[in-house]
């Protein structure tokens, strides 16, 4: 079973390599990533969060999370984002025990390939729009600490150290 890589592991700061579209090994990896995400009550997971430096993410932002709802995005690219930026708290399986205020544009359009090699685009707002941006950040070597504003970063790092000391585990958004 794959394990969640947590900050400050330097692996999380690496920019991921593109996947070979249609690679059969991606199906196994995506299935394992989905299991890890669901087990830890996440709504999204990027491959570097399980130690694999590939451009692959899985998401399920439905209210009733179910493996039938899992969306697998191979080599996702944020094509566009729009709307007035909105601040909301974000948690992260790789930064357990904290929620950090992150400002993002509410709407996104992402181009990606599915596991069969077919190209798609997805457009969304709300939790899915935010989740897609968050997971693509991971593929580019950014965690919550690189995404939040400078004035929030120090308090977020301090809160994270306290959460780790208190035994926070992936899936915990507060301790």
N, C-alpha and C. Protein backbone atom coordinates (compact mmCIF):
# COMPACT_ATOMS: atom_id res chain seq x y z
N UNK A 1 0.84 -1.18 0.00
CA UNK A 1 0.00 0.00 0.00
C UNK A 1 0.89 1.25 0.00
N UNK A 2 0.51 2.20 -0.81
CA UNK A 2 1.24 3.46 -0.86
C UNK A 2 1.04 4.23 0.43
N UNK A 3 2.04 5.04 0.78
CA UNK A 3 1.95 5.88 1.98
C UNK A 3 2.03 7.34 1.58
N UNK A 4 1.37 8.18 2.35
CA UNK A 4 1.37 9.62 2.10
C UNK A 4 2.71 10.22 2.53
N UNK A 5 3.30 10.99 1.64
CA UNK A 5 4.52 11.73 1.92
C UNK A 5 4.09 13.05 2.56
N UNK A 6 4.70 13.38 3.70
CA UNK A 6 4.31 14.62 4.39
C UNK A 6 5.44 15.64 4.37
N UNK A 7 5.03 16.91 4.43
CA UNK A 7 5.99 18.01 4.50
C UNK A 7 6.80 17.86 5.78
N UNK A 8 8.05 18.20 5.75
CA UNK A 8 8.81 18.94 4.73
C UNK A 8 9.59 18.05 3.76
N UNK A 9 9.14 16.85 3.48
CA UNK A 9 9.86 15.96 2.57
C UNK A 9 10.18 16.71 1.27
N UNK A 10 11.47 16.75 0.85
CA UNK A 10 11.85 17.49 -0.35
C UNK A 10 11.20 16.97 -1.63
N UNK A 11 10.72 15.74 -1.61
CA UNK A 11 10.03 15.18 -2.77
C UNK A 11 8.83 16.04 -3.17
N UNK A 12 8.18 16.65 -2.17
CA UNK A 12 7.00 17.47 -2.44
C UNK A 12 7.33 18.78 -3.14
N UNK A 13 8.60 19.13 -3.21
CA UNK A 13 9.02 20.38 -3.87
C UNK A 13 9.51 20.14 -5.29
N UNK A 14 9.47 18.88 -5.74
CA UNK A 14 9.94 18.53 -7.08
C UNK A 14 8.84 18.75 -8.12
N UNK A 15 9.24 19.20 -9.31
CA UNK A 15 8.31 19.31 -10.43
C UNK A 15 8.24 17.93 -11.08
N UNK A 16 7.03 17.46 -11.30
CA UNK A 16 6.81 16.10 -11.80
C UNK A 16 7.00 15.99 -13.31
N UNK A 17 7.39 14.80 -13.72
CA UNK A 17 7.57 14.47 -15.14
C UNK A 17 6.23 14.07 -15.75
N UNK A 18 6.03 14.36 -17.04
CA UNK A 18 4.80 13.90 -17.69
C UNK A 18 4.72 12.38 -17.71
N UNK A 19 3.51 11.89 -17.68
CA UNK A 19 3.26 10.46 -17.80
C UNK A 19 3.26 10.08 -19.28
N UNK A 20 3.53 8.83 -19.57
CA UNK A 20 3.35 8.31 -20.92
C UNK A 20 1.87 8.00 -21.04
N UNK A 21 1.17 8.73 -21.91
CA UNK A 21 -0.27 8.56 -22.05
C UNK A 21 -0.56 7.14 -22.54
N UNK A 22 -1.49 6.49 -21.87
CA UNK A 22 -1.86 5.12 -22.22
C UNK A 22 -1.03 4.05 -21.50
N UNK A 23 -0.06 4.45 -20.67
CA UNK A 23 0.76 3.51 -19.91
C UNK A 23 -0.14 2.69 -18.99
N UNK A 24 -0.11 1.37 -19.14
CA UNK A 24 -0.98 0.49 -18.35
C UNK A 24 -0.67 0.53 -16.86
N UNK A 25 0.57 0.84 -16.48
CA UNK A 25 0.93 0.92 -15.07
C UNK A 25 0.21 2.06 -14.36
N UNK A 26 -0.23 3.06 -15.13
CA UNK A 26 -0.95 4.19 -14.53
C UNK A 26 -2.28 3.74 -13.93
N UNK A 27 -2.92 2.74 -14.54
CA UNK A 27 -4.21 2.26 -14.00
C UNK A 27 -4.03 1.70 -12.60
N UNK A 28 -2.98 0.92 -12.40
CA UNK A 28 -2.71 0.35 -11.08
C UNK A 28 -2.37 1.46 -10.09
N UNK A 29 -1.52 2.40 -10.51
CA UNK A 29 -1.14 3.51 -9.63
C UNK A 29 -2.36 4.35 -9.26
N UNK A 30 -3.21 4.67 -10.24
CA UNK A 30 -4.40 5.49 -9.98
C UNK A 30 -5.34 4.78 -9.01
N UNK A 31 -5.50 3.49 -9.17
CA UNK A 31 -6.37 2.72 -8.27
C UNK A 31 -5.81 2.75 -6.85
N UNK A 32 -4.49 2.56 -6.71
CA UNK A 32 -3.86 2.61 -5.40
C UNK A 32 -3.98 4.01 -4.79
N UNK A 33 -3.78 5.04 -5.61
CA UNK A 33 -3.90 6.41 -5.11
C UNK A 33 -5.33 6.68 -4.63
N UNK A 34 -6.31 6.20 -5.37
CA UNK A 34 -7.70 6.36 -4.96
C UNK A 34 -7.95 5.72 -3.60
N UNK A 35 -7.43 4.51 -3.40
CA UNK A 35 -7.61 3.83 -2.11
C UNK A 35 -6.99 4.63 -0.98
N UNK A 36 -5.79 5.16 -1.20
CA UNK A 36 -5.12 5.96 -0.18
C UNK A 36 -5.92 7.23 0.11
N UNK A 37 -6.41 7.87 -0.94
CA UNK A 37 -7.18 9.11 -0.77
C UNK A 37 -8.44 8.85 0.05
N UNK A 38 -9.19 7.81 -0.32
CA UNK A 38 -10.43 7.50 0.41
C UNK A 38 -10.14 7.09 1.85
N UNK A 39 -9.10 6.29 2.06
CA UNK A 39 -8.74 5.83 3.40
C UNK A 39 -8.45 7.00 4.33
N UNK A 40 -7.89 8.07 3.77
CA UNK A 40 -7.49 9.24 4.57
C UNK A 40 -8.48 10.40 4.46
N UNK A 41 -9.69 10.11 3.96
CA UNK A 41 -10.76 11.11 3.87
C UNK A 41 -10.39 12.33 3.03
N UNK A 42 -9.60 12.13 1.98
CA UNK A 42 -9.24 13.22 1.09
C UNK A 42 -10.22 13.36 -0.06
N UNK A 43 -10.16 14.49 -0.73
CA UNK A 43 -10.97 14.68 -1.93
C UNK A 43 -10.08 14.79 -3.17
N UNK A 44 -8.78 14.76 -2.98
CA UNK A 44 -7.83 14.79 -4.09
C UNK A 44 -6.48 14.31 -3.64
N UNK A 45 -5.71 13.77 -4.57
CA UNK A 45 -4.37 13.29 -4.26
C UNK A 45 -3.53 13.34 -5.54
N UNK A 46 -2.33 13.86 -5.41
CA UNK A 46 -1.40 13.93 -6.53
C UNK A 46 -0.30 12.88 -6.33
N UNK A 47 0.22 12.36 -7.43
CA UNK A 47 1.22 11.29 -7.37
C UNK A 47 2.43 11.63 -6.47
N UNK A 48 2.96 12.85 -6.48
CA UNK A 48 4.10 13.10 -5.59
C UNK A 48 3.75 12.94 -4.11
N UNK A 49 2.48 13.03 -3.77
CA UNK A 49 2.07 12.86 -2.38
C UNK A 49 2.19 11.40 -1.92
N UNK A 50 2.39 10.49 -2.88
CA UNK A 50 2.64 9.08 -2.54
C UNK A 50 4.02 8.66 -3.04
N UNK A 51 4.88 9.65 -3.30
CA UNK A 51 6.27 9.38 -3.65
C UNK A 51 6.55 9.10 -5.10
N UNK A 52 5.61 9.40 -6.00
CA UNK A 52 5.78 9.13 -7.43
C UNK A 52 5.81 10.48 -8.16
N UNK A 53 6.92 10.78 -8.80
CA UNK A 53 7.07 12.09 -9.47
C UNK A 53 6.54 12.06 -10.90
N UNK A 54 5.26 11.77 -11.02
CA UNK A 54 4.55 11.73 -12.30
C UNK A 54 3.37 12.69 -12.24
N UNK A 55 2.96 13.20 -13.40
CA UNK A 55 1.85 14.15 -13.49
C UNK A 55 0.53 13.39 -13.55
N UNK A 56 0.10 12.93 -12.39
CA UNK A 56 -1.13 12.15 -12.26
C UNK A 56 -1.84 12.58 -10.99
N UNK A 57 -3.14 12.85 -11.10
CA UNK A 57 -3.93 13.18 -9.91
C UNK A 57 -5.24 12.40 -9.95
N UNK A 58 -5.79 12.18 -8.74
CA UNK A 58 -7.12 11.60 -8.61
C UNK A 58 -7.94 12.54 -7.74
N UNK A 59 -9.23 12.69 -8.07
CA UNK A 59 -10.11 13.55 -7.30
C UNK A 59 -11.50 12.94 -7.19
N UNK A 60 -12.16 13.24 -6.09
CA UNK A 60 -13.56 12.90 -5.88
C UNK A 60 -14.10 13.92 -4.90
N UNK A 61 -14.81 14.91 -5.43
CA UNK A 61 -15.33 16.00 -4.60
C UNK A 61 -16.84 15.87 -4.37
N UNK A 62 -17.39 14.71 -4.67
CA UNK A 62 -18.81 14.48 -4.43
C UNK A 62 -19.08 14.43 -2.92
N UNK A 63 -20.28 14.80 -2.53
CA UNK A 63 -20.64 14.76 -1.11
C UNK A 63 -20.52 13.34 -0.57
N UNK A 64 -21.03 12.38 -1.31
CA UNK A 64 -20.89 10.96 -0.95
C UNK A 64 -19.72 10.40 -1.76
N UNK A 65 -18.54 10.33 -1.16
CA UNK A 65 -17.36 9.85 -1.88
C UNK A 65 -17.49 8.36 -2.11
N UNK A 66 -17.19 7.97 -3.36
CA UNK A 66 -17.34 6.58 -3.76
C UNK A 66 -16.36 6.33 -4.91
N UNK A 67 -15.65 5.21 -4.91
CA UNK A 67 -14.70 4.93 -6.00
C UNK A 67 -15.31 5.04 -7.40
N UNK A 68 -16.63 4.90 -7.51
CA UNK A 68 -17.28 5.05 -8.83
C UNK A 68 -17.20 6.49 -9.32
N UNK A 69 -17.00 7.44 -8.39
CA UNK A 69 -16.93 8.87 -8.74
C UNK A 69 -15.51 9.35 -9.01
N UNK A 70 -14.53 8.48 -8.83
CA UNK A 70 -13.13 8.89 -8.95
C UNK A 70 -12.82 9.41 -10.35
N UNK A 71 -12.24 10.60 -10.40
CA UNK A 71 -11.78 11.17 -11.67
C UNK A 71 -10.26 11.07 -11.66
N UNK A 72 -9.71 10.46 -12.72
CA UNK A 72 -8.27 10.31 -12.86
C UNK A 72 -7.82 11.24 -13.97
N UNK A 73 -6.85 12.10 -13.67
CA UNK A 73 -6.36 13.06 -14.64
C UNK A 73 -4.88 12.81 -14.88
N UNK A 74 -4.56 12.42 -16.12
CA UNK A 74 -3.18 12.16 -16.53
C UNK A 74 -2.68 13.42 -17.24
N UNK A 75 -1.52 13.90 -16.82
CA UNK A 75 -0.91 15.11 -17.40
C UNK A 75 -1.86 16.30 -17.44
N UNK A 76 -2.52 16.61 -16.31
CA UNK A 76 -3.46 17.74 -16.32
C UNK A 76 -2.73 19.08 -16.49
N UNK A 77 -3.39 19.97 -17.23
CA UNK A 77 -2.85 21.32 -17.46
C UNK A 77 -3.96 22.32 -17.16
N UNK A 78 -3.67 23.27 -16.29
CA UNK A 78 -4.62 24.34 -16.01
C UNK A 78 -4.61 25.28 -17.21
N UNK A 79 -5.69 25.25 -17.98
CA UNK A 79 -5.77 26.05 -19.21
C UNK A 79 -6.20 27.48 -18.94
N UNK A 80 -7.10 27.64 -17.94
CA UNK A 80 -7.63 28.97 -17.66
C UNK A 80 -8.24 28.97 -16.26
N UNK A 81 -8.21 30.12 -15.64
CA UNK A 81 -8.93 30.33 -14.38
C UNK A 81 -9.50 31.74 -14.44
N UNK A 82 -10.67 31.92 -13.85
CA UNK A 82 -11.29 33.23 -13.92
C UNK A 82 -12.23 33.45 -12.75
N UNK A 83 -12.66 34.70 -12.63
CA UNK A 83 -13.54 35.11 -11.54
C UNK A 83 -12.75 35.88 -10.50
N UNK A 84 -13.48 36.57 -9.62
CA UNK A 84 -12.83 37.31 -8.55
C UNK A 84 -12.21 36.32 -7.56
N UNK A 85 -10.93 36.50 -7.24
CA UNK A 85 -10.28 35.57 -6.30
C UNK A 85 -11.06 35.45 -4.98
N UNK A 86 -11.12 34.21 -4.47
CA UNK A 86 -11.82 33.92 -3.23
C UNK A 86 -10.87 33.22 -2.27
N UNK A 87 -10.95 33.60 -1.00
CA UNK A 87 -10.13 32.95 0.01
C UNK A 87 -10.97 31.87 0.71
N UNK A 88 -10.36 30.71 0.90
CA UNK A 88 -11.02 29.62 1.64
C UNK A 88 -9.94 28.78 2.30
N UNK A 89 -10.31 28.11 3.38
CA UNK A 89 -9.38 27.23 4.06
C UNK A 89 -9.17 25.95 3.28
N UNK A 90 -7.92 25.53 3.15
CA UNK A 90 -7.60 24.28 2.48
C UNK A 90 -6.78 23.41 3.42
N UNK A 91 -7.12 22.14 3.43
CA UNK A 91 -6.33 21.15 4.13
C UNK A 91 -5.54 20.37 3.08
N UNK A 92 -4.64 19.53 3.53
CA UNK A 92 -3.82 18.75 2.61
C UNK A 92 -3.38 17.48 3.31
N UNK A 93 -3.49 16.36 2.62
CA UNK A 93 -3.06 15.09 3.20
C UNK A 93 -1.57 15.10 3.51
N UNK A 94 -0.79 15.90 2.79
CA UNK A 94 0.65 15.98 3.03
C UNK A 94 1.04 17.01 4.09
N UNK A 95 0.08 17.77 4.57
CA UNK A 95 0.31 18.76 5.63
C UNK A 95 -0.78 18.57 6.68
N UNK A 96 -0.80 17.40 7.35
CA UNK A 96 -1.91 17.08 8.25
C UNK A 96 -1.98 17.98 9.48
N UNK A 97 -3.22 18.17 9.92
CA UNK A 97 -3.45 18.88 11.17
C UNK A 97 -3.71 20.36 11.05
N UNK A 98 -3.65 20.90 9.82
CA UNK A 98 -3.86 22.34 9.66
C UNK A 98 -4.80 22.62 8.49
N UNK A 99 -5.38 23.78 8.55
CA UNK A 99 -6.15 24.33 7.44
C UNK A 99 -5.57 25.72 7.19
N UNK A 100 -5.26 26.00 5.94
CA UNK A 100 -4.57 27.24 5.59
C UNK A 100 -5.45 28.07 4.64
N UNK A 101 -5.62 29.37 4.89
CA UNK A 101 -6.38 30.20 3.96
C UNK A 101 -5.59 30.41 2.67
N UNK A 102 -6.21 30.02 1.56
CA UNK A 102 -5.59 30.13 0.24
C UNK A 102 -6.54 30.91 -0.66
N UNK A 103 -5.99 31.85 -1.42
CA UNK A 103 -6.79 32.64 -2.35
C UNK A 103 -6.62 32.08 -3.75
N UNK A 104 -7.76 31.75 -4.38
CA UNK A 104 -7.75 31.20 -5.75
C UNK A 104 -8.92 31.78 -6.53
N UNK A 105 -8.76 31.80 -7.85
CA UNK A 105 -9.90 32.15 -8.70
C UNK A 105 -10.89 30.99 -8.64
N UNK A 106 -12.18 31.29 -8.64
CA UNK A 106 -13.17 30.24 -8.40
C UNK A 106 -13.40 29.27 -9.57
N UNK A 107 -13.21 29.71 -10.79
CA UNK A 107 -13.49 28.86 -11.96
C UNK A 107 -12.19 28.42 -12.63
N UNK A 108 -12.16 27.17 -13.07
CA UNK A 108 -10.99 26.66 -13.80
C UNK A 108 -11.42 25.80 -14.98
N UNK A 109 -10.52 25.73 -15.94
CA UNK A 109 -10.66 24.80 -17.06
C UNK A 109 -9.35 24.04 -17.15
N UNK A 110 -9.44 22.71 -17.09
CA UNK A 110 -8.26 21.84 -17.08
C UNK A 110 -8.35 20.87 -18.24
N UNK A 111 -7.26 20.72 -18.97
CA UNK A 111 -7.15 19.71 -20.03
C UNK A 111 -6.33 18.55 -19.48
N UNK A 112 -6.75 17.33 -19.79
CA UNK A 112 -6.07 16.15 -19.29
C UNK A 112 -6.36 14.95 -20.19
N UNK A 113 -5.69 13.85 -19.91
CA UNK A 113 -5.96 12.58 -20.58
C UNK A 113 -6.53 11.62 -19.54
N UNK A 114 -7.42 10.73 -20.00
CA UNK A 114 -7.90 9.69 -19.10
C UNK A 114 -6.95 8.49 -19.19
N UNK A 115 -7.23 7.43 -18.47
CA UNK A 115 -6.34 6.27 -18.44
C UNK A 115 -6.30 5.50 -19.75
N UNK A 116 -7.27 5.75 -20.64
CA UNK A 116 -7.27 5.11 -21.95
C UNK A 116 -6.58 5.94 -23.01
N UNK A 117 -6.07 7.12 -22.61
CA UNK A 117 -5.35 7.98 -23.53
C UNK A 117 -6.21 8.99 -24.27
N UNK A 118 -7.49 9.08 -23.89
CA UNK A 118 -8.38 10.04 -24.54
C UNK A 118 -8.25 11.40 -23.87
N UNK A 119 -8.21 12.45 -24.70
CA UNK A 119 -8.06 13.81 -24.18
C UNK A 119 -9.42 14.39 -23.79
N UNK A 120 -9.45 15.10 -22.64
CA UNK A 120 -10.67 15.69 -22.12
C UNK A 120 -10.39 17.09 -21.60
N UNK A 121 -11.47 17.84 -21.39
CA UNK A 121 -11.40 19.09 -20.65
C UNK A 121 -12.48 19.06 -19.60
N UNK A 122 -12.17 19.61 -18.44
CA UNK A 122 -13.14 19.72 -17.37
C UNK A 122 -13.15 21.16 -16.92
N UNK A 123 -14.36 21.69 -16.69
CA UNK A 123 -14.52 23.06 -16.23
C UNK A 123 -15.32 23.00 -14.94
N UNK A 124 -14.85 23.70 -13.92
CA UNK A 124 -15.55 23.61 -12.65
C UNK A 124 -15.25 24.80 -11.75
N UNK A 125 -16.13 24.95 -10.77
CA UNK A 125 -15.91 25.90 -9.68
C UNK A 125 -16.11 25.14 -8.38
N UNK A 126 -16.29 25.86 -7.29
CA UNK A 126 -16.55 25.22 -6.01
C UNK A 126 -15.38 24.34 -5.56
N UNK A 127 -15.72 23.31 -4.80
CA UNK A 127 -14.70 22.43 -4.25
C UNK A 127 -13.88 21.75 -5.34
N UNK A 128 -14.51 21.29 -6.41
CA UNK A 128 -13.76 20.63 -7.48
C UNK A 128 -12.79 21.59 -8.14
N UNK A 129 -13.22 22.81 -8.42
CA UNK A 129 -12.32 23.80 -9.02
C UNK A 129 -11.11 24.08 -8.13
N UNK A 130 -11.35 24.22 -6.85
CA UNK A 130 -10.27 24.47 -5.89
C UNK A 130 -9.37 23.24 -5.78
N UNK A 131 -9.96 22.06 -5.73
CA UNK A 131 -9.19 20.82 -5.61
C UNK A 131 -8.28 20.61 -6.83
N UNK A 132 -8.80 20.86 -8.01
CA UNK A 132 -7.98 20.71 -9.22
C UNK A 132 -6.76 21.63 -9.15
N UNK A 133 -6.96 22.88 -8.74
CA UNK A 133 -5.84 23.81 -8.64
C UNK A 133 -4.83 23.34 -7.59
N UNK A 134 -5.33 22.87 -6.46
CA UNK A 134 -4.48 22.40 -5.36
C UNK A 134 -3.62 21.21 -5.82
N UNK A 135 -4.24 20.24 -6.47
CA UNK A 135 -3.50 19.04 -6.89
C UNK A 135 -2.50 19.36 -8.01
N UNK A 136 -2.86 20.24 -8.93
CA UNK A 136 -1.92 20.64 -9.98
C UNK A 136 -0.75 21.39 -9.37
N UNK A 137 -1.00 22.17 -8.31
CA UNK A 137 0.11 22.81 -7.59
C UNK A 137 1.12 21.75 -7.14
N UNK A 138 0.63 20.63 -6.60
CA UNK A 138 1.53 19.56 -6.15
C UNK A 138 2.40 19.06 -7.30
N UNK A 139 1.84 18.96 -8.49
CA UNK A 139 2.62 18.48 -9.64
C UNK A 139 3.73 19.45 -10.01
N UNK A 140 3.54 20.71 -9.62
CA UNK A 140 4.54 21.75 -9.90
C UNK A 140 5.44 22.02 -8.69
N UNK A 141 5.40 21.13 -7.70
CA UNK A 141 6.28 21.25 -6.55
C UNK A 141 5.84 22.26 -5.51
N UNK A 142 4.55 22.57 -5.46
CA UNK A 142 4.04 23.55 -4.50
C UNK A 142 3.13 22.88 -3.47
N UNK A 143 3.39 23.16 -2.20
CA UNK A 143 2.49 22.73 -1.13
C UNK A 143 1.68 23.94 -0.68
N UNK A 144 0.88 23.75 0.36
CA UNK A 144 0.12 24.87 0.92
C UNK A 144 1.04 26.03 1.30
N UNK A 145 2.26 25.69 1.76
CA UNK A 145 3.17 26.72 2.24
C UNK A 145 3.72 27.60 1.11
N UNK A 146 3.79 27.07 -0.09
CA UNK A 146 4.24 27.88 -1.24
C UNK A 146 3.07 28.58 -1.91
N UNK A 147 1.85 28.16 -1.60
CA UNK A 147 0.66 28.70 -2.26
C UNK A 147 0.01 29.82 -1.45
N UNK A 148 0.15 29.78 -0.13
CA UNK A 148 -0.48 30.81 0.70
C UNK A 148 0.29 32.13 0.60
N UNK A 149 -0.33 33.18 1.09
CA UNK A 149 0.33 34.49 1.07
C UNK A 149 1.50 34.49 2.07
N UNK A 150 2.43 35.40 1.86
CA UNK A 150 3.62 35.47 2.70
C UNK A 150 3.27 35.73 4.16
N UNK A 151 2.27 36.55 4.41
CA UNK A 151 1.92 36.86 5.81
C UNK A 151 1.27 35.67 6.51
N UNK A 152 0.70 34.73 5.77
CA UNK A 152 0.08 33.54 6.35
C UNK A 152 1.10 32.42 6.52
N UNK A 153 2.14 32.42 5.70
CA UNK A 153 3.09 31.30 5.67
C UNK A 153 3.73 31.01 7.03
N UNK A 154 4.21 32.03 7.72
CA UNK A 154 4.88 31.80 9.00
C UNK A 154 3.93 31.20 10.03
N UNK A 155 2.71 31.71 10.09
CA UNK A 155 1.77 31.15 11.06
C UNK A 155 1.35 29.73 10.66
N UNK A 156 1.25 29.47 9.36
CA UNK A 156 0.91 28.13 8.89
C UNK A 156 2.02 27.13 9.22
N UNK A 157 3.27 27.54 9.02
CA UNK A 157 4.39 26.66 9.36
C UNK A 157 4.44 26.38 10.85
N UNK A 158 4.19 27.39 11.66
CA UNK A 158 4.18 27.22 13.11
C UNK A 158 3.04 26.27 13.53
N UNK A 159 1.86 26.48 12.96
CA UNK A 159 0.72 25.62 13.28
C UNK A 159 1.00 24.18 12.85
N UNK A 160 1.68 24.01 11.72
CA UNK A 160 2.00 22.66 11.24
C UNK A 160 2.97 21.96 12.18
N UNK A 161 3.98 22.67 12.65
CA UNK A 161 4.94 22.07 13.59
C UNK A 161 4.22 21.62 14.87
N UNK A 162 3.29 22.45 15.35
CA UNK A 162 2.52 22.08 16.54
C UNK A 162 1.63 20.87 16.26
N UNK A 163 1.01 20.84 15.08
CA UNK A 163 0.14 19.71 14.72
C UNK A 163 0.93 18.42 14.62
N UNK A 164 2.12 18.49 14.01
CA UNK A 164 2.97 17.29 13.92
C UNK A 164 3.36 16.81 15.31
N UNK A 165 3.73 17.75 16.17
CA UNK A 165 4.13 17.39 17.54
C UNK A 165 2.97 16.75 18.30
N UNK A 166 1.74 17.16 17.95
CA UNK A 166 0.55 16.61 18.61
C UNK A 166 0.11 15.29 17.99
N UNK A 167 0.82 14.84 16.95
CA UNK A 167 0.53 13.54 16.34
C UNK A 167 -0.44 13.57 15.17
N UNK A 168 -0.58 14.70 14.49
CA UNK A 168 -1.47 14.80 13.35
C UNK A 168 -1.12 13.76 12.29
N UNK A 169 -2.14 13.16 11.71
CA UNK A 169 -1.98 12.15 10.65
C UNK A 169 -2.69 12.63 9.40
N UNK A 170 -2.29 12.14 8.21
CA UNK A 170 -3.00 12.52 6.99
C UNK A 170 -4.51 12.32 7.15
N UNK A 171 -5.24 13.33 6.73
CA UNK A 171 -6.69 13.33 6.89
C UNK A 171 -7.16 14.23 8.01
N UNK A 172 -6.25 14.55 8.95
CA UNK A 172 -6.58 15.48 10.03
C UNK A 172 -6.49 16.91 9.49
N UNK A 173 -7.55 17.70 9.70
CA UNK A 173 -7.51 19.10 9.28
C UNK A 173 -7.36 20.03 10.47
N UNK A 174 -7.31 19.47 11.65
CA UNK A 174 -7.09 20.24 12.87
C UNK A 174 -6.80 19.28 14.00
N UNK A 175 -5.98 19.72 14.94
CA UNK A 175 -5.68 18.89 16.11
C UNK A 175 -5.91 19.68 17.39
